[in-house]
Amino acid sequence: METDDIKVLRPFGPTIAKVKIPENLVKELNDYTDSIISNDQKKKDLDWGKNLVGNVKQEFVIEKDFMEKIGWGNFLATNVREWIRQTNKGEVTKFNIMNSWIVRQFKNEYNPSHWHNGHVSGVGYLKVPSNLGNTLQKDKEVNNNGKLEMVHGAKAFLCKPTFRVTPKVGDFYFFPHYLMHAVYPFSDTDEERRSVSFNATVDQSLFND
């Protein structure tokens, strides 16, 4: 039987886009975060933890004028447009950032399974510990410490319901707002796992489609 013409298709499930955050944006966002950390009033004013589900040290919203100043909104908009264009040839003409925020996570902290608001969301990494710790059972083949796990559907033949991401500085992932996801705790380090996320809306017609 000839199999030369076989094609593996992916007709089901949402697409996810992966890009690199430019180094200058990573630095700008890290410097901004450090400035907030050292300012007690800013930490209080920008606290976003009450709006999020994470059991983490600190979460704060990024000010819109700062996002505009460094081009963060343009980075998000450009990549969302390309992601949607490649997914279904849709052309985004309206892109509105609802909010963007920083998550500071340390050992034993975690983000439970949840979803976001809006139409599109994403997460990228600004700092990652050099060591996320070992599994308690040393013979485990898979170590999920500090990983992001995205979940869609249920386990079935030829269908995986999860996609796990090992955080790396500069990596950014875009996904539809409804996609369930969680972040596992890590151990054996006092270093920070720092990420940046956002929620946004696009043309309602594209979302309805």
C-alpha atoms as a PDB file:
ATOM      1  CA  MET A   1       0.000   0.000   0.000  1.00  0.00           C
ATOM      2  CA  GLU A   2       1.401   3.385  -1.005  1.00  0.00           C
ATOM      3  CA  THR A   3       1.527   6.048   1.755  1.00  0.00           C
ATOM      4  CA  ASP A   4       3.562   8.750   0.032  1.00  0.00           C
ATOM      5  CA  ASP A   5       0.546  11.064  -0.281  1.00  0.00           C
ATOM      6  CA  ILE A   6      -0.529  10.966   3.363  1.00  0.00           C
ATOM      7  CA  LYS A   7      -1.240  14.330   4.995  1.00  0.00           C
ATOM      8  CA  VAL A   8      -1.722  14.903   8.720  1.00  0.00           C
ATOM      9  CA  LEU A   9      -4.509  17.450   9.222  1.00  0.00           C
ATOM     10  CA  ARG A  10      -5.576  19.421  12.278  1.00  0.00           C
ATOM     11  CA  PRO A  11      -9.242  20.268  11.721  1.00  0.00           C
ATOM     12  CA  PHE A  12     -10.230  20.369  15.402  1.00  0.00           C
ATOM     13  CA  GLY A  13      -9.272  22.507  18.368  1.00  0.00           C
ATOM     14  CA  PRO A  14      -7.979  26.069  18.744  1.00  0.00           C
ATOM     15  CA  THR A  15      -4.668  27.285  17.364  1.00  0.00           C
ATOM     16  CA  ILE A  16      -1.946  28.789  19.550  1.00  0.00           C
ATOM     17  CA  ALA A  17       0.702  31.215  18.316  1.00  0.00           C
ATOM     18  CA  LYS A  18       4.247  31.408  19.663  1.00  0.00           C
ATOM     19  CA  VAL A  19       6.521  34.413  19.112  1.00  0.00           C
ATOM     20  CA  LYS A  20       9.565  36.050  20.656  1.00  0.00           C
ATOM     21  CA  ILE A  21       9.250  39.262  22.648  1.00  0.00           C
ATOM     22  CA  PRO A  22      11.947  41.669  21.400  1.00  0.00           C
ATOM     23  CA  GLU A  23      14.788  41.993  23.911  1.00  0.00           C
ATOM     24  CA  ASN A  24      14.207  45.720  24.341  1.00  0.00           C
ATOM     25  CA  LEU A  25      10.590  45.067  25.381  1.00  0.00           C
ATOM     26  CA  VAL A  26      11.663  42.387  27.859  1.00  0.00           C
ATOM     27  CA  LYS A  27      14.072  44.899  29.419  1.00  0.00           C
ATOM     28  CA  GLU A  28      11.494  47.709  29.454  1.00  0.00           C
ATOM     29  CA  LEU A  29       8.911  45.496  31.149  1.00  0.00           C
ATOM     30  CA  ASN A  30      11.418  44.190  33.701  1.00  0.00           C
ATOM     31  CA  ASP A  31      12.662  47.696  34.516  1.00  0.00           C
ATOM     32  CA  TYR A  32       9.062  48.882  34.840  1.00  0.00           C
ATOM     33  CA  THR A  33       8.251  45.971  37.162  1.00  0.00           C
ATOM     34  CA  ASP A  34      11.281  46.691  39.335  1.00  0.00           C
ATOM     35  CA  SER A  35      10.253  50.342  39.606  1.00  0.00           C
ATOM     36  CA  ILE A  36       6.761  49.341  40.781  1.00  0.00           C
ATOM     37  CA  ILE A  37       8.184  46.900  43.329  1.00  0.00           C
ATOM     38  CA  SER A  38      10.237  49.681  44.921  1.00  0.00           C
ATOM     39  CA  ASN A  39       7.320  52.135  45.080  1.00  0.00           C
ATOM     40  CA  ASP A  40       4.850  51.365  47.886  1.00  0.00           C
ATOM     41  CA  GLN A  41       2.172  53.685  46.534  1.00  0.00           C
ATOM     42  CA  LYS A  42       2.411  52.272  43.009  1.00  0.00           C
ATOM     43  CA  LYS A  43       2.222  48.717  44.348  1.00  0.00           C
ATOM     44  CA  LYS A  44      -1.014  49.628  46.074  1.00  0.00           C
ATOM     45  CA  ASP A  45      -2.522  51.625  43.208  1.00  0.00           C
ATOM     46  CA  LEU A  46      -1.753  49.034  40.521  1.00  0.00           C
ATOM     47  CA  ASP A  47      -2.544  45.904  42.538  1.00  0.00           C
ATOM     48  CA  TRP A  48      -4.482  43.562  40.235  1.00  0.00           C
ATOM     49  CA  GLY A  49      -4.566  40.477  42.438  1.00  0.00           C
ATOM     50  CA  LYS A  50      -8.228  40.936  43.397  1.00  0.00           C
ATOM     51  CA  ASN A  51      -9.173  40.518  39.728  1.00  0.00           C
ATOM     52  CA  LEU A  52      -7.113  37.363  39.173  1.00  0.00           C
ATOM     53  CA  VAL A  53      -7.152  33.809  40.526  1.00  0.00           C
ATOM     54  CA  GLY A  54      -3.425  33.299  41.132  1.00  0.00           C
ATOM     55  CA  ASN A  55      -2.077  32.248  44.525  1.00  0.00           C
ATOM     56  CA  VAL A  56       1.119  34.211  43.945  1.00  0.00           C
ATOM     57  CA  LYS A  57       3.165  36.917  45.606  1.00  0.00           C
ATOM     58  CA  GLN A  58       2.147  39.875  43.475  1.00  0.00           C
ATOM     59  CA  GLU A  59       0.118  40.792  40.382  1.00  0.00           C
ATOM     60  CA  PHE A  60      -0.280  44.325  39.068  1.00  0.00           C
ATOM     61  CA  VAL A  61      -1.815  45.953  36.026  1.00  0.00           C
ATOM     62  CA  ILE A  62       0.405  47.782  33.531  1.00  0.00           C
ATOM     63  CA  GLU A  63      -0.436  51.444  33.020  1.00  0.00           C
ATOM     64  CA  LYS A  64      -1.795  52.221  29.552  1.00  0.00           C
ATOM     65  CA  ASP A  65       0.480  55.213  28.958  1.00  0.00           C
ATOM     66  CA  PHE A  66       3.498  52.997  29.635  1.00  0.00           C
ATOM     67  CA  MET A  67       2.236  50.325  27.232  1.00  0.00           C
ATOM     68  CA  GLU A  68       1.881  52.991  24.553  1.00  0.00           C
ATOM     69  CA  LYS A  69       5.278  54.488  25.312  1.00  0.00           C
ATOM     70  CA  ILE A  70       7.216  51.244  24.803  1.00  0.00           C
ATOM     71  CA  GLY A  71       5.071  49.864  21.976  1.00  0.00           C
ATOM     72  CA  TRP A  72       3.691  46.937  23.941  1.00  0.00           C
ATOM     73  CA  GLY A  73       0.221  47.352  22.455  1.00  0.00           C
ATOM     74  CA  ASN A  74       1.649  47.419  18.943  1.00  0.00           C
ATOM     75  CA  PHE A  75       3.572  44.191  19.604  1.00  0.00           C
ATOM     76  CA  LEU A  76       0.389  42.462  20.770  1.00  0.00           C
ATOM     77  CA  ALA A  77      -1.795  43.839  17.969  1.00  0.00           C
ATOM     78  CA  THR A  78       0.663  42.959  15.196  1.00  0.00           C
ATOM     79  CA  ASN A  79       1.015  39.373  16.319  1.00  0.00           C
ATOM     80  CA  VAL A  80      -2.680  38.825  16.978  1.00  0.00           C
ATOM     81  CA  ARG A  81      -3.452  40.048  13.452  1.00  0.00           C
ATOM     82  CA  GLU A  82      -0.939  37.630  11.938  1.00  0.00           C
ATOM     83  CA  TRP A  83      -2.082  34.727  14.129  1.00  0.00           C
ATOM     84  CA  ILE A  84      -5.724  35.170  13.111  1.00  0.00           C
ATOM     85  CA  ARG A  85      -4.798  35.740   9.458  1.00  0.00           C
ATOM     86  CA  GLN A  86      -2.856  32.489   9.346  1.00  0.00           C
ATOM     87  CA  THR A  87      -5.556  30.600  11.245  1.00  0.00           C
ATOM     88  CA  ASN A  88      -8.614  31.465   9.151  1.00  0.00           C
ATOM     89  CA  LYS A  89      -7.571  34.284   6.797  1.00  0.00           C
ATOM     90  CA  GLY A  90      -9.474  36.733   8.999  1.00  0.00           C
ATOM     91  CA  GLU A  91      -8.421  40.385   8.881  1.00  0.00           C
ATOM     92  CA  VAL A  92      -8.404  42.159  12.252  1.00  0.00           C
ATOM     93  CA  THR A  93      -9.407  45.815  11.945  1.00  0.00           C
ATOM     94  CA  LYS A  94     -10.267  46.423  15.599  1.00  0.00           C
ATOM     95  CA  PHE A  95      -7.911  45.545  18.448  1.00  0.00           C
ATOM     96  CA  ASN A  96      -8.631  46.807  21.954  1.00  0.00           C
ATOM     97  CA  ILE A  97      -6.486  45.901  24.952  1.00  0.00           C
ATOM     98  CA  MET A  98      -8.725  45.446  27.968  1.00  0.00           C
ATOM     99  CA  ASN A  99      -5.797  45.065  30.347  1.00  0.00           C
ATOM    100  CA  SER A 100      -2.261  43.740  30.584  1.00  0.00           C
ATOM    101  CA  TRP A 101      -0.593  42.669  33.812  1.00  0.00           C
ATOM    102  CA  ILE A 102       2.528  41.273  35.452  1.00  0.00           C
ATOM    103  CA  VAL A 103       2.577  38.099  37.561  1.00  0.00           C
ATOM    104  CA  ARG A 104       5.352  37.563  40.102  1.00  0.00           C
ATOM    105  CA  GLN A 105       5.510  33.924  41.185  1.00  0.00           C
ATOM    106  CA  PHE A 106       7.865  32.349  43.720  1.00  0.00           C
ATOM    107  CA  LYS A 107       8.396  28.814  45.048  1.00  0.00           C
ATOM    108  CA  ASN A 108       5.318  26.873  46.158  1.00  0.00           C
ATOM    109  CA  GLU A 109       2.986  29.422  44.528  1.00  0.00           C
ATOM    110  CA  TYR A 110       0.656  28.528  41.671  1.00  0.00           C
ATOM    111  CA  ASN A 111      -2.105  29.653  39.314  1.00  0.00           C
ATOM    112  CA  PRO A 112      -5.152  27.328  39.310  1.00  0.00           C
ATOM    113  CA  SER A 113      -7.018  26.291  36.197  1.00  0.00           C
ATOM    114  CA  HIS A 114      -8.884  29.287  34.755  1.00  0.00           C
ATOM    115  CA  TRP A 115      -9.802  31.214  31.611  1.00  0.00           C
ATOM    116  CA  HIS A 116      -9.752  34.891  30.636  1.00  0.00           C
ATOM    117  CA  ASN A 117     -12.128  37.616  29.495  1.00  0.00           C
ATOM    118  CA  GLY A 118     -12.316  39.270  26.068  1.00  0.00           C
ATOM    119  CA  HIS A 119     -11.602  37.436  22.821  1.00  0.00           C
ATOM    120  CA  VAL A 120      -7.843  36.801  22.806  1.00  0.00           C
ATOM    121  CA  SER A 121      -5.255  36.415  25.534  1.00  0.00           C
ATOM    122  CA  GLY A 122      -1.632  35.491  25.965  1.00  0.00           C
ATOM    123  CA  VAL A 123       1.310  35.043  28.284  1.00  0.00           C
ATOM    124  CA  GLY A 124       5.034  35.667  27.962  1.00  0.00           C
ATOM    125  CA  TYR A 125       8.061  35.294  30.197  1.00  0.00           C
ATOM    126  CA  LEU A 126      10.289  38.039  31.580  1.00  0.00           C
ATOM    127  CA  LYS A 127      12.220  36.075  34.225  1.00  0.00           C
ATOM    128  CA  VAL A 128      12.576  32.330  34.776  1.00  0.00           C
ATOM    129  CA  PRO A 129      14.446  30.616  37.638  1.00  0.00           C
ATOM    130  CA  SER A 130      17.567  28.772  36.571  1.00  0.00           C
ATOM    131  CA  ASN A 131      16.255  25.731  38.454  1.00  0.00           C
ATOM    132  CA  LEU A 132      12.547  24.955  38.974  1.00  0.00           C
ATOM    133  CA  GLY A 133      13.236  22.078  41.368  1.00  0.00           C
ATOM    134  CA  ASN A 134      12.945  18.305  41.228  1.00  0.00           C
ATOM    135  CA  THR A 135       9.984  15.971  41.489  1.00  0.00           C
ATOM    136  CA  LEU A 136       9.431  14.396  44.923  1.00  0.00           C
ATOM    137  CA  GLN A 137       9.706  10.951  43.370  1.00  0.00           C
ATOM    138  CA  LYS A 138      13.133  11.021  41.771  1.00  0.00           C
ATOM    139  CA  ASP A 139      12.316   8.438  39.078  1.00  0.00           C
ATOM    140  CA  LYS A 140       9.534  10.500  37.498  1.00  0.00           C
ATOM    141  CA  GLU A 141      10.158  10.962  33.760  1.00  0.00           C
ATOM    142  CA  VAL A 142       8.219  14.230  33.528  1.00  0.00           C
ATOM    143  CA  ASN A 143       8.818  17.281  35.723  1.00  0.00           C
ATOM    144  CA  ASN A 144       6.022  19.870  35.427  1.00  0.00           C
ATOM    145  CA  ASN A 145       7.424  22.299  38.009  1.00  0.00           C
ATOM    146  CA  GLY A 146       6.731  25.892  36.953  1.00  0.00           C
ATOM    147  CA  LYS A 147       5.187  24.879  33.630  1.00  0.00           C
ATOM    148  CA  LEU A 148       2.124  26.371  31.980  1.00  0.00           C
ATOM    149  CA  GLU A 149      -0.491  23.788  31.020  1.00  0.00           C
ATOM    150  CA  MET A 150      -3.223  24.556  28.479  1.00  0.00           C
ATOM    151  CA  VAL A 151      -6.286  22.300  28.397  1.00  0.00           C
ATOM    152  CA  HIS A 152      -8.884  21.765  25.679  1.00  0.00           C
ATOM    153  CA  GLY A 153     -11.439  18.956  25.436  1.00  0.00           C
ATOM    154  CA  ALA A 154     -10.916  15.506  26.914  1.00  0.00           C
ATOM    155  CA  LYS A 155      -8.511  12.632  26.381  1.00  0.00           C
ATOM    156  CA  ALA A 156      -9.438  10.574  23.351  1.00  0.00           C
ATOM    157  CA  PHE A 157      -7.792   8.338  20.784  1.00  0.00           C
ATOM    158  CA  LEU A 158      -5.377  10.380  18.638  1.00  0.00           C
ATOM    159  CA  CYS A 159      -6.316  13.501  20.592  1.00  0.00           C
ATOM    160  CA  LYS A 160      -4.284  15.046  23.398  1.00  0.00           C
ATOM    161  CA  PRO A 161      -6.223  17.411  25.693  1.00  0.00           C
ATOM    162  CA  THR A 162      -3.206  19.240  27.104  1.00  0.00           C
ATOM    163  CA  PHE A 163      -0.264  21.277  25.901  1.00  0.00           C
ATOM    164  CA  ARG A 164       2.521  22.020  28.390  1.00  0.00           C
ATOM    165  CA  VAL A 165       4.895  24.949  28.055  1.00  0.00           C
ATOM    166  CA  THR A 166       8.302  25.192  29.694  1.00  0.00           C
ATOM    167  CA  PRO A 167       8.798  28.918  30.376  1.00  0.00           C
ATOM    168  CA  LYS A 168      11.745  30.603  28.660  1.00  0.00           C
ATOM    169  CA  VAL A 169      12.575  34.290  28.819  1.00  0.00           C
ATOM    170  CA  GLY A 170      11.227  36.073  25.750  1.00  0.00           C
ATOM    171  CA  ASP A 171       8.755  33.376  24.679  1.00  0.00           C
ATOM    172  CA  PHE A 172       5.177  34.601  24.246  1.00  0.00           C
ATOM    173  CA  TYR A 173       2.083  32.492  23.550  1.00  0.00           C
ATOM    174  CA  PHE A 174      -1.234  33.752  22.165  1.00  0.00           C
ATOM    175  CA  PHE A 175      -4.433  31.766  22.694  1.00  0.00           C
ATOM    176  CA  PRO A 176      -8.230  32.255  22.593  1.00  0.00           C
ATOM    177  CA  HIS A 177      -9.624  33.671  25.830  1.00  0.00           C
ATOM    178  CA  TYR A 178     -11.682  30.580  26.712  1.00  0.00           C
ATOM    179  CA  LEU A 179      -8.733  28.169  26.687  1.00  0.00           C
ATOM    180  CA  MET A 180      -8.382  26.698  30.170  1.00  0.00           C
ATOM    181  CA  HIS A 181      -4.865  26.935  31.583  1.00  0.00           C
ATOM    182  CA  ALA A 182      -2.940  26.639  34.832  1.00  0.00           C
ATOM    183  CA  VAL A 183       0.579  27.173  36.156  1.00  0.00           C
ATOM    184  CA  TYR A 184       2.220  24.605  38.404  1.00  0.00           C
ATOM    185  CA  PRO A 185       4.257  25.528  41.479  1.00  0.00           C
ATOM    186  CA  PHE A 186       8.015  25.071  41.587  1.00  0.00           C
ATOM    187  CA  SER A 187      10.549  24.548  44.390  1.00  0.00           C
ATOM    188  CA  ASP A 188      14.193  24.581  45.483  1.00  0.00           C
ATOM    189  CA  THR A 189      14.865  28.205  44.565  1.00  0.00           C
ATOM    190  CA  ASP A 190      14.246  31.743  45.788  1.00  0.00           C
ATOM    191  CA  GLU A 191      14.333  33.097  42.236  1.00  0.00           C
ATOM    192  CA  GLU A 192      11.322  34.739  40.625  1.00  0.00           C
ATOM    193  CA  ARG A 193       9.213  33.439  37.762  1.00  0.00           C
ATOM    194  CA  ARG A 194       7.914  36.642  36.135  1.00  0.00           C
ATOM    195  CA  SER A 195       5.332  36.685  33.358  1.00  0.00           C
ATOM    196  CA  VAL A 196       3.224  39.200  31.468  1.00  0.00           C
ATOM    197  CA  SER A 197      -0.326  38.594  30.221  1.00  0.00           C
ATOM    198  CA  PHE A 198      -3.125  40.449  28.465  1.00  0.00           C
ATOM    199  CA  ASN A 199      -6.784  40.333  27.465  1.00  0.00           C
ATOM    200  CA  ALA A 200      -8.066  42.004  24.318  1.00  0.00           C
ATOM    201  CA  THR A 201     -11.016  42.118  21.957  1.00  0.00           C
ATOM    202  CA  VAL A 202     -10.988  42.019  18.161  1.00  0.00           C
ATOM    203  CA  ASP A 203     -13.697  42.554  15.544  1.00  0.00           C
ATOM    204  CA  GLN A 204     -16.920  41.013  16.849  1.00  0.00           C
ATOM    205  CA  SER A 205     -17.581  39.547  13.408  1.00  0.00           C
ATOM    206  CA  LEU A 206     -14.319  37.559  13.590  1.00  0.00           C
ATOM    207  CA  PHE A 207     -15.149  36.326  17.062  1.00  0.00           C
ATOM    208  CA  ASN A 208     -18.651  35.267  16.003  1.00  0.00           C
ATOM    209  CA  ASP A 209     -17.250  33.412  13.009  1.00  0.00           C
END
